[in-house]
Amino acid sequence: MPSPAPLTVQPIHFTSDYAIWREFYLKLGLHPTTANDPMVTILAADSGQLMLAEVPADHRLDGVRLVEFTVPDVDAHAEALEKAGTAAPRVQLAHRDQSNIALDLPQGRVHIGQHLTTAGATLFDPAGLNIGALLYCPTEMVAAGAQQLAPYGLSPRIASDNGGWTDLTGNGVLAFHDSELHTVSNDAPNQPVVQVFGETGDVVGLASDLEDRGQEATVIDESYGRSLRVTQPDDQQLYINETMDDLYGYHRLNA
């Protein structure tokens, strides 16, 4: 029985300041791809992709980040899911030529669509820069969301002992973290709002690279390990976590 292909995690960042944010993500270490037009660009990390979508300044999605997932072949992915006993309902989205797989998590609806580029569609590797999405939601939804998403092509990896964090890897990384849930409607109702975030095995080395590119970044030593805080064009902080070695207060799900 074929297994579903690993999902590529693709946060979608809607913005009216397209050029400014594109420059920021390029300084962060993402790369241009062939999936590029005047209003939508897909930028690739070593693992994971980011879609940057331009909207007018008065658009309701201006500044919003959502998440979707991509696979090499949606039809083959749906077939593999259904053979494994996992539902794969199909829907048509306005920004996609082909139909997508719809997945209703406790946090809201997410979609699995066709790759627009293979760049960044490689498995998570701490030696590189991995991009992904951080989804805030109530504690009782954290583990439930990860468990429901996992059969579709992501691997649960680490969870906190208190239930407030669970992450999964594939091509890129996705994490659920306890906090307030926000949703918006875009092609479908109640899509969860996320933050773009990243992970690498060496945040100190990445911080040095960012400084060389003129990008402000600070390494912070947290109880769970070190993280890199990168100042964004909106003056908010983008988090890039260092891959965990010390699991005090956490446990592995993929042991």
C-alpha atoms as a PDB file:
ATOM      1  CA  MET A   1       0.000   0.000   0.000  1.00  0.00           C
ATOM      2  CA  PRO A   2       1.616   3.351  -1.030  1.00  0.00           C
ATOM      3  CA  SER A   3       2.224   5.894   1.706  1.00  0.00           C
ATOM      4  CA  PRO A   4       1.234   9.536   1.197  1.00  0.00           C
ATOM      5  CA  ALA A   5       4.129  11.695   0.025  1.00  0.00           C
ATOM      6  CA  PRO A   6       5.599  14.116   2.599  1.00  0.00           C
ATOM      7  CA  LEU A   7       3.736  17.403   2.654  1.00  0.00           C
ATOM      8  CA  THR A   8       5.581  20.601   1.810  1.00  0.00           C
ATOM      9  CA  VAL A   9       4.641  23.260   4.358  1.00  0.00           C
ATOM     10  CA  GLN A  10       3.831  26.549   2.645  1.00  0.00           C
ATOM     11  CA  PRO A  11       2.839  29.566   4.738  1.00  0.00           C
ATOM     12  CA  ILE A  12       1.053  32.226   2.668  1.00  0.00           C
ATOM     13  CA  HIS A  13       1.830  35.845   3.525  1.00  0.00           C
ATOM     14  CA  PHE A  14      -0.610  38.413   2.124  1.00  0.00           C
ATOM     15  CA  THR A  15       0.792  41.932   1.993  1.00  0.00           C
ATOM     16  CA  SER A  16       0.388  45.315   0.337  1.00  0.00           C
ATOM     17  CA  ASP A  17       4.142  45.923   0.904  1.00  0.00           C
ATOM     18  CA  TYR A  18       5.214  43.177  -1.472  1.00  0.00           C
ATOM     19  CA  ALA A  19       8.668  44.511  -2.438  1.00  0.00           C
ATOM     20  CA  ILE A  20       9.686  45.231   1.171  1.00  0.00           C
ATOM     21  CA  TRP A  21       8.689  41.772   2.402  1.00  0.00           C
ATOM     22  CA  ARG A  22      10.276  40.024  -0.578  1.00  0.00           C
ATOM     23  CA  GLU A  23      13.580  41.724   0.222  1.00  0.00           C
ATOM     24  CA  PHE A  24      13.206  40.709   3.880  1.00  0.00           C
ATOM     25  CA  TYR A  25      12.623  37.030   3.093  1.00  0.00           C
ATOM     26  CA  LEU A  26      15.533  36.989   0.644  1.00  0.00           C
ATOM     27  CA  LYS A  27      17.810  38.431   3.352  1.00  0.00           C
ATOM     28  CA  LEU A  28      16.484  35.762   5.706  1.00  0.00           C
ATOM     29  CA  GLY A  29      17.905  33.139   3.352  1.00  0.00           C
ATOM     30  CA  LEU A  30      14.961  32.135   1.170  1.00  0.00           C
ATOM     31  CA  HIS A  31      15.544  31.818  -2.565  1.00  0.00           C
ATOM     32  CA  PRO A  32      13.552  32.898  -5.636  1.00  0.00           C
ATOM     33  CA  THR A  33      11.899  30.132  -7.628  1.00  0.00           C
ATOM     34  CA  THR A  34      10.373  29.712 -11.063  1.00  0.00           C
ATOM     35  CA  ALA A  35       6.921  30.145  -9.469  1.00  0.00           C
ATOM     36  CA  ASN A  36       7.025  33.900  -9.807  1.00  0.00           C
ATOM     37  CA  ASP A  37       4.702  36.528 -11.256  1.00  0.00           C
ATOM     38  CA  PRO A  38       4.021  40.200 -10.441  1.00  0.00           C
ATOM     39  CA  MET A  39       1.543  39.407  -7.630  1.00  0.00           C
ATOM     40  CA  VAL A  40       2.498  35.967  -6.275  1.00  0.00           C
ATOM     41  CA  THR A  41       5.970  34.614  -5.586  1.00  0.00           C
ATOM     42  CA  ILE A  42       7.027  31.350  -4.017  1.00  0.00           C
ATOM     43  CA  LEU A  43      10.304  31.607  -2.136  1.00  0.00           C
ATOM     44  CA  ALA A  44      12.067  28.441  -1.004  1.00  0.00           C
ATOM     45  CA  ALA A  45      14.113  27.575   2.057  1.00  0.00           C
ATOM     46  CA  ASP A  46      16.370  24.531   2.145  1.00  0.00           C
ATOM     47  CA  SER A  47      13.197  22.782   3.309  1.00  0.00           C
ATOM     48  CA  GLY A  48       9.761  24.358   2.990  1.00  0.00           C
ATOM     49  CA  GLN A  49       8.279  27.111   0.849  1.00  0.00           C
ATOM     50  CA  LEU A  50       6.676  30.502   1.421  1.00  0.00           C
ATOM     51  CA  MET A  51       4.061  32.070  -0.843  1.00  0.00           C
ATOM     52  CA  LEU A  52       4.160  35.880  -0.891  1.00  0.00           C
ATOM     53  CA  ALA A  53       0.901  37.280  -2.269  1.00  0.00           C
ATOM     54  CA  GLU A  54       0.313  40.956  -3.029  1.00  0.00           C
ATOM     55  CA  VAL A  55      -3.026  42.511  -2.036  1.00  0.00           C
ATOM     56  CA  PRO A  56      -4.263  46.143  -1.947  1.00  0.00           C
ATOM     57  CA  ALA A  57      -3.596  48.159   1.198  1.00  0.00           C
ATOM     58  CA  ASP A  58      -7.283  48.130   2.150  1.00  0.00           C
ATOM     59  CA  HIS A  59      -7.687  44.371   1.593  1.00  0.00           C
ATOM     60  CA  ARG A  60      -9.036  42.382   4.554  1.00  0.00           C
ATOM     61  CA  LEU A  61      -6.125  39.927   4.250  1.00  0.00           C
ATOM     62  CA  ASP A  62      -3.367  42.554   4.229  1.00  0.00           C
ATOM     63  CA  GLY A  63      -0.777  41.360   6.753  1.00  0.00           C
ATOM     64  CA  VAL A  64      -2.461  37.988   7.322  1.00  0.00           C
ATOM     65  CA  ARG A  65      -0.524  34.710   7.183  1.00  0.00           C
ATOM     66  CA  LEU A  66      -2.281  31.426   6.416  1.00  0.00           C
ATOM     67  CA  VAL A  67      -0.862  27.984   5.654  1.00  0.00           C
ATOM     68  CA  GLU A  68      -1.379  25.386   2.975  1.00  0.00           C
ATOM     69  CA  PHE A  69       0.489  22.253   1.988  1.00  0.00           C
ATOM     70  CA  THR A  70       1.661  21.036  -1.395  1.00  0.00           C
ATOM     71  CA  VAL A  71       2.482  17.659  -2.945  1.00  0.00           C
ATOM     72  CA  PRO A  72       3.907  16.570  -6.321  1.00  0.00           C
ATOM     73  CA  ASP A  73       0.621  14.985  -7.456  1.00  0.00           C
ATOM     74  CA  VAL A  74      -2.692  15.731  -5.725  1.00  0.00           C
ATOM     75  CA  ASP A  75      -4.519  12.867  -7.431  1.00  0.00           C
ATOM     76  CA  ALA A  76      -1.884  10.327  -6.387  1.00  0.00           C
ATOM     77  CA  HIS A  77      -1.809  11.772  -2.876  1.00  0.00           C
ATOM     78  CA  ALA A  78      -5.592  11.526  -2.539  1.00  0.00           C
ATOM     79  CA  GLU A  79      -5.509   7.950  -3.810  1.00  0.00           C
ATOM     80  CA  ALA A  80      -2.809   6.966  -1.290  1.00  0.00           C
ATOM     81  CA  LEU A  81      -4.771   8.602   1.532  1.00  0.00           C
ATOM     82  CA  GLU A  82      -8.006   6.840   0.621  1.00  0.00           C
ATOM     83  CA  LYS A  83      -6.280   3.456   0.321  1.00  0.00           C
ATOM     84  CA  ALA A  84      -4.900   4.020   3.833  1.00  0.00           C
ATOM     85  CA  GLY A  85      -8.414   4.780   5.086  1.00  0.00           C
ATOM     86  CA  THR A  86      -7.954   8.547   5.353  1.00  0.00           C
ATOM     87  CA  ALA A  87     -10.575  10.865   3.864  1.00  0.00           C
ATOM     88  CA  ALA A  88      -9.439  13.121   1.008  1.00  0.00           C
ATOM     89  CA  PRO A  89     -12.388  15.340  -0.027  1.00  0.00           C
ATOM     90  CA  ARG A  90     -11.644  17.600  -2.992  1.00  0.00           C
ATOM     91  CA  VAL A  91     -12.493  21.297  -3.341  1.00  0.00           C
ATOM     92  CA  GLN A  92     -11.735  23.976  -5.928  1.00  0.00           C
ATOM     93  CA  LEU A  93      -9.937  27.134  -4.755  1.00  0.00           C
ATOM     94  CA  ALA A  94      -9.851  30.462  -6.592  1.00  0.00           C
ATOM     95  CA  HIS A  95      -6.025  30.652  -6.672  1.00  0.00           C
ATOM     96  CA  ARG A  96      -5.483  27.067  -7.873  1.00  0.00           C
ATOM     97  CA  ASP A  97      -6.113  25.610 -11.338  1.00  0.00           C
ATOM     98  CA  GLN A  98      -6.470  22.073  -9.962  1.00  0.00           C
ATOM     99  CA  SER A  99      -8.683  20.861  -7.151  1.00  0.00           C
ATOM    100  CA  ASN A 100      -7.264  20.596  -3.629  1.00  0.00           C
ATOM    101  CA  ILE A 101      -7.677  18.194  -0.748  1.00  0.00           C
ATOM    102  CA  ALA A 102      -9.617  19.816   2.092  1.00  0.00           C
ATOM    103  CA  LEU A 103      -8.726  18.976   5.681  1.00  0.00           C
ATOM    104  CA  ASP A 104     -10.842  20.260   8.570  1.00  0.00           C
ATOM    105  CA  LEU A 105      -8.675  20.429  11.688  1.00  0.00           C
ATOM    106  CA  PRO A 106     -10.043  21.435  15.104  1.00  0.00           C
ATOM    107  CA  GLN A 107      -8.431  24.839  14.381  1.00  0.00           C
ATOM    108  CA  GLY A 108     -10.115  25.286  10.984  1.00  0.00           C
ATOM    109  CA  ARG A 109      -9.702  24.261   7.366  1.00  0.00           C
ATOM    110  CA  VAL A 110      -6.374  23.805   5.591  1.00  0.00           C
ATOM    111  CA  HIS A 111      -5.738  22.581   2.053  1.00  0.00           C
ATOM    112  CA  ILE A 112      -3.306  20.333   0.190  1.00  0.00           C
ATOM    113  CA  GLY A 113      -2.563  21.482  -3.357  1.00  0.00           C
ATOM    114  CA  GLN A 114      -0.224  20.824  -6.263  1.00  0.00           C
ATOM    115  CA  HIS A 115       3.413  21.938  -6.168  1.00  0.00           C
ATOM    116  CA  LEU A 116       3.982  25.109  -8.181  1.00  0.00           C
ATOM    117  CA  THR A 117       7.725  24.480  -7.833  1.00  0.00           C
ATOM    118  CA  THR A 118       9.849  21.668  -6.456  1.00  0.00           C
ATOM    119  CA  ALA A 119      12.289  24.085  -4.806  1.00  0.00           C
ATOM    120  CA  GLY A 120      12.170  23.614  -1.033  1.00  0.00           C
ATOM    121  CA  ALA A 121      10.286  20.322  -1.433  1.00  0.00           C
ATOM    122  CA  THR A 122      12.964  18.406   0.449  1.00  0.00           C
ATOM    123  CA  LEU A 123      12.811  16.801   3.870  1.00  0.00           C
ATOM    124  CA  PHE A 124      13.549  18.755   7.044  1.00  0.00           C
ATOM    125  CA  ASP A 125      17.279  18.905   7.785  1.00  0.00           C
ATOM    126  CA  PRO A 126      18.750  20.813  10.764  1.00  0.00           C
ATOM    127  CA  ALA A 127      21.870  21.492   8.697  1.00  0.00           C
ATOM    128  CA  GLY A 128      19.883  23.992   6.621  1.00  0.00           C
ATOM    129  CA  LEU A 129      17.145  26.600   7.020  1.00  0.00           C
ATOM    130  CA  ASN A 130      13.701  25.070   7.411  1.00  0.00           C
ATOM    131  CA  ILE A 131      10.683  27.345   6.991  1.00  0.00           C
ATOM    132  CA  GLY A 132       7.176  26.697   8.209  1.00  0.00           C
ATOM    133  CA  ALA A 133       4.161  27.850  10.148  1.00  0.00           C
ATOM    134  CA  LEU A 134       3.347  28.307  13.827  1.00  0.00           C
ATOM    135  CA  LEU A 135      -0.345  27.853  14.596  1.00  0.00           C
ATOM    136  CA  TYR A 136      -1.587  29.238  17.919  1.00  0.00           C
ATOM    137  CA  CYS A 137      -4.659  27.590  19.429  1.00  0.00           C
ATOM    138  CA  PRO A 138      -6.136  26.579  22.810  1.00  0.00           C
ATOM    139  CA  THR A 139      -4.202  23.865  24.648  1.00  0.00           C
ATOM    140  CA  GLU A 140      -6.890  21.236  24.134  1.00  0.00           C
ATOM    141  CA  MET A 141      -6.511  21.623  20.341  1.00  0.00           C
ATOM    142  CA  VAL A 142      -2.712  21.278  20.207  1.00  0.00           C
ATOM    143  CA  ALA A 143      -2.287  17.496  20.278  1.00  0.00           C
ATOM    144  CA  ALA A 144      -5.621  16.917  18.535  1.00  0.00           C
ATOM    145  CA  GLY A 145      -4.628  19.096  15.579  1.00  0.00           C
ATOM    146  CA  ALA A 146      -1.272  17.350  15.186  1.00  0.00           C
ATOM    147  CA  GLN A 147      -2.832  13.882  15.419  1.00  0.00           C
ATOM    148  CA  GLN A 148      -5.433  14.716  12.790  1.00  0.00           C
ATOM    149  CA  LEU A 149      -2.891  16.249  10.389  1.00  0.00           C
ATOM    150  CA  ALA A 150      -0.215  13.560  10.694  1.00  0.00           C
ATOM    151  CA  PRO A 151      -1.778  10.887   8.421  1.00  0.00           C
ATOM    152  CA  TYR A 152      -1.815  13.344   5.511  1.00  0.00           C
ATOM    153  CA  GLY A 153       1.982  13.423   5.182  1.00  0.00           C
ATOM    154  CA  LEU A 154       3.719  15.033   8.174  1.00  0.00           C
ATOM    155  CA  SER A 155       5.675  13.268  10.936  1.00  0.00           C
ATOM    156  CA  PRO A 156       4.966  14.204  14.579  1.00  0.00           C
ATOM    157  CA  ARG A 157       8.314  14.901  16.214  1.00  0.00           C
ATOM    158  CA  ILE A 158       8.369  16.665  19.611  1.00  0.00           C
ATOM    159  CA  ALA A 159       5.693  17.594  22.169  1.00  0.00           C
ATOM    160  CA  SER A 160       5.885  19.457  25.462  1.00  0.00           C
ATOM    161  CA  ASP A 161       5.030  17.538  28.608  1.00  0.00           C
ATOM    162  CA  ASN A 162       2.412  20.164  29.533  1.00  0.00           C
ATOM    163  CA  GLY A 163       0.558  19.750  26.222  1.00  0.00           C
ATOM    164  CA  GLY A 164       1.192  23.285  24.988  1.00  0.00           C
ATOM    165  CA  TRP A 165       3.430  22.437  22.011  1.00  0.00           C
ATOM    166  CA  THR A 166       3.534  19.788  19.310  1.00  0.00           C
ATOM    167  CA  ASP A 167       5.512  19.986  16.082  1.00  0.00           C
ATOM    168  CA  LEU A 168       5.626  17.969  12.888  1.00  0.00           C
ATOM    169  CA  THR A 169       8.136  17.828  10.072  1.00  0.00           C
ATOM    170  CA  GLY A 170       8.007  16.974   6.391  1.00  0.00           C
ATOM    171  CA  ASN A 171       9.285  19.347   3.758  1.00  0.00           C
ATOM    172  CA  GLY A 172       9.448  22.199   6.244  1.00  0.00           C
ATOM    173  CA  VAL A 173       8.018  22.317   9.749  1.00  0.00           C
ATOM    174  CA  LEU A 174       4.639  23.003  11.342  1.00  0.00           C
ATOM    175  CA  ALA A 175       4.012  23.587  15.048  1.00  0.00           C
ATOM    176  CA  PHE A 176       0.932  23.959  17.225  1.00  0.00           C
ATOM    177  CA  HIS A 177       1.382  26.210  20.272  1.00  0.00           C
ATOM    178  CA  ASP A 178      -1.087  27.094  22.991  1.00  0.00           C
ATOM    179  CA  SER A 179      -2.478  30.617  22.737  1.00  0.00           C
ATOM    180  CA  GLU A 180      -5.484  32.375  21.234  1.00  0.00           C
ATOM    181  CA  LEU A 181      -6.772  31.008  17.921  1.00  0.00           C
ATOM    182  CA  HIS A 182      -7.561  33.407  15.067  1.00  0.00           C
ATOM    183  CA  THR A 183      -9.274  32.428  11.824  1.00  0.00           C
ATOM    184  CA  VAL A 184     -10.272  34.181   8.601  1.00  0.00           C
ATOM    185  CA  SER A 185     -12.263  33.255   5.521  1.00  0.00           C
ATOM    186  CA  ASN A 186     -10.342  32.946   2.256  1.00  0.00           C
ATOM    187  CA  ASP A 187     -11.771  30.525  -0.325  1.00  0.00           C
ATOM    188  CA  ALA A 188     -13.089  28.613   2.699  1.00  0.00           C
ATOM    189  CA  PRO A 189     -14.446  29.725   6.086  1.00  0.00           C
ATOM    190  CA  ASN A 190     -12.452  29.511   9.301  1.00  0.00           C
ATOM    191  CA  GLN A 191      -8.922  29.108   8.010  1.00  0.00           C
ATOM    192  CA  PRO A 192      -6.402  29.340  10.889  1.00  0.00           C
ATOM    193  CA  VAL A 193      -4.085  32.346  10.958  1.00  0.00           C
ATOM    194  CA  VAL A 194      -0.425  31.417  11.510  1.00  0.00           C
ATOM    195  CA  GLN A 195       2.936  33.009  12.039  1.00  0.00           C
ATOM    196  CA  VAL A 196       5.841  32.297   9.732  1.00  0.00           C
ATOM    197  CA  PHE A 197       8.692  30.719  11.660  1.00  0.00           C
ATOM    198  CA  GLY A 198      11.793  28.664  11.037  1.00  0.00           C
ATOM    199  CA  GLU A 199      14.261  26.194  12.470  1.00  0.00           C
ATOM    200  CA  THR A 200      17.932  25.395  11.981  1.00  0.00           C
ATOM    201  CA  GLY A 201      20.619  23.509  13.850  1.00  0.00           C
ATOM    202  CA  ASP A 202      22.885  26.556  14.271  1.00  0.00           C
ATOM    203  CA  VAL A 203      21.172  29.830  15.128  1.00  0.00           C
ATOM    204  CA  VAL A 204      24.479  31.520  15.979  1.00  0.00           C
ATOM    205  CA  GLY A 205      25.831  30.821  12.512  1.00  0.00           C
ATOM    206  CA  LEU A 206      22.592  32.007  10.916  1.00  0.00           C
ATOM    207  CA  ALA A 207      22.660  35.178  13.037  1.00  0.00           C
ATOM    208  CA  SER A 208      26.152  35.937  11.720  1.00  0.00           C
ATOM    209  CA  ASP A 209      24.980  35.380   8.144  1.00  0.00           C
ATOM    210  CA  LEU A 210      22.012  37.687   8.669  1.00  0.00           C
ATOM    211  CA  GLU A 211      24.179  40.435  10.112  1.00  0.00           C
ATOM    212  CA  ASP A 212      26.432  40.182   7.052  1.00  0.00           C
ATOM    213  CA  ARG A 213      23.305  40.763   4.929  1.00  0.00           C
ATOM    214  CA  GLY A 214      22.319  43.817   6.994  1.00  0.00           C
ATOM    215  CA  GLN A 215      19.448  42.100   8.801  1.00  0.00           C
ATOM    216  CA  GLU A 216      18.950  42.704  12.533  1.00  0.00           C
ATOM    217  CA  ALA A 217      18.793  39.468  14.556  1.00  0.00           C
ATOM    218  CA  THR A 218      19.306  38.464  18.202  1.00  0.00           C
ATOM    219  CA  VAL A 219      20.002  35.047  19.733  1.00  0.00           C
ATOM    220  CA  ILE A 220      17.891  34.368  22.841  1.00  0.00           C
ATOM    221  CA  ASP A 221      18.521  31.495  25.279  1.00  0.00           C
ATOM    222  CA  GLU A 222      15.111  30.123  26.277  1.00  0.00           C
ATOM    223  CA  SER A 223      14.253  27.327  28.702  1.00  0.00           C
ATOM    224  CA  TYR A 224      13.640  25.028  25.711  1.00  0.00           C
ATOM    225  CA  GLY A 225      16.862  26.039  23.908  1.00  0.00           C
ATOM    226  CA  ARG A 226      18.147  28.914  21.821  1.00  0.00           C
ATOM    227  CA  SER A 227      16.131  30.839  19.288  1.00  0.00           C
ATOM    228  CA  LEU A 228      16.874  33.619  16.859  1.00  0.00           C
ATOM    229  CA  ARG A 229      14.635  36.686  16.822  1.00  0.00           C
ATOM    230  CA  VAL A 230      14.642  38.505  13.500  1.00  0.00           C
ATOM    231  CA  THR A 231      13.118  41.980  13.256  1.00  0.00           C
ATOM    232  CA  GLN A 232      10.534  42.084  10.447  1.00  0.00           C
ATOM    233  CA  PRO A 233       9.459  45.092   8.355  1.00  0.00           C
ATOM    234  CA  ASP A 234       6.355  45.415  10.594  1.00  0.00           C
ATOM    235  CA  ASP A 235       8.656  45.620  13.677  1.00  0.00           C
ATOM    236  CA  GLN A 236       7.378  42.257  14.930  1.00  0.00           C
ATOM    237  CA  GLN A 237       9.752  39.384  15.613  1.00  0.00           C
ATOM    238  CA  LEU A 238      10.114  36.281  13.460  1.00  0.00           C
ATOM    239  CA  TYR A 239      11.291  33.279  15.495  1.00  0.00           C
ATOM    240  CA  ILE A 240      13.830  30.775  14.194  1.00  0.00           C
ATOM    241  CA  ASN A 241      14.284  27.997  16.751  1.00  0.00           C
ATOM    242  CA  GLU A 242      17.451  25.986  17.132  1.00  0.00           C
ATOM    243  CA  THR A 243      16.826  22.251  16.729  1.00  0.00           C
ATOM    244  CA  MET A 244      16.368  20.749  20.196  1.00  0.00           C
ATOM    245  CA  ASP A 245      19.004  18.509  21.766  1.00  0.00           C
ATOM    246  CA  ASP A 246      17.938  18.958  25.396  1.00  0.00           C
ATOM    247  CA  LEU A 247      14.370  17.663  25.749  1.00  0.00           C
ATOM    248  CA  TYR A 248      13.839  18.633  29.390  1.00  0.00           C
ATOM    249  CA  GLY A 249      10.083  19.322  29.620  1.00  0.00           C
ATOM    250  CA  TYR A 250       9.545  17.778  26.171  1.00  0.00           C
ATOM    251  CA  HIS A 251       9.418  14.282  24.688  1.00  0.00           C
ATOM    252  CA  ARG A 252       9.898  12.734  21.278  1.00  0.00           C
ATOM    253  CA  LEU A 253       6.933  11.446  19.336  1.00  0.00           C
ATOM    254  CA  ASN A 254       9.047   9.795  16.623  1.00  0.00           C
ATOM    255  CA  ALA A 255      11.330   7.683  18.850  1.00  0.00           C
END
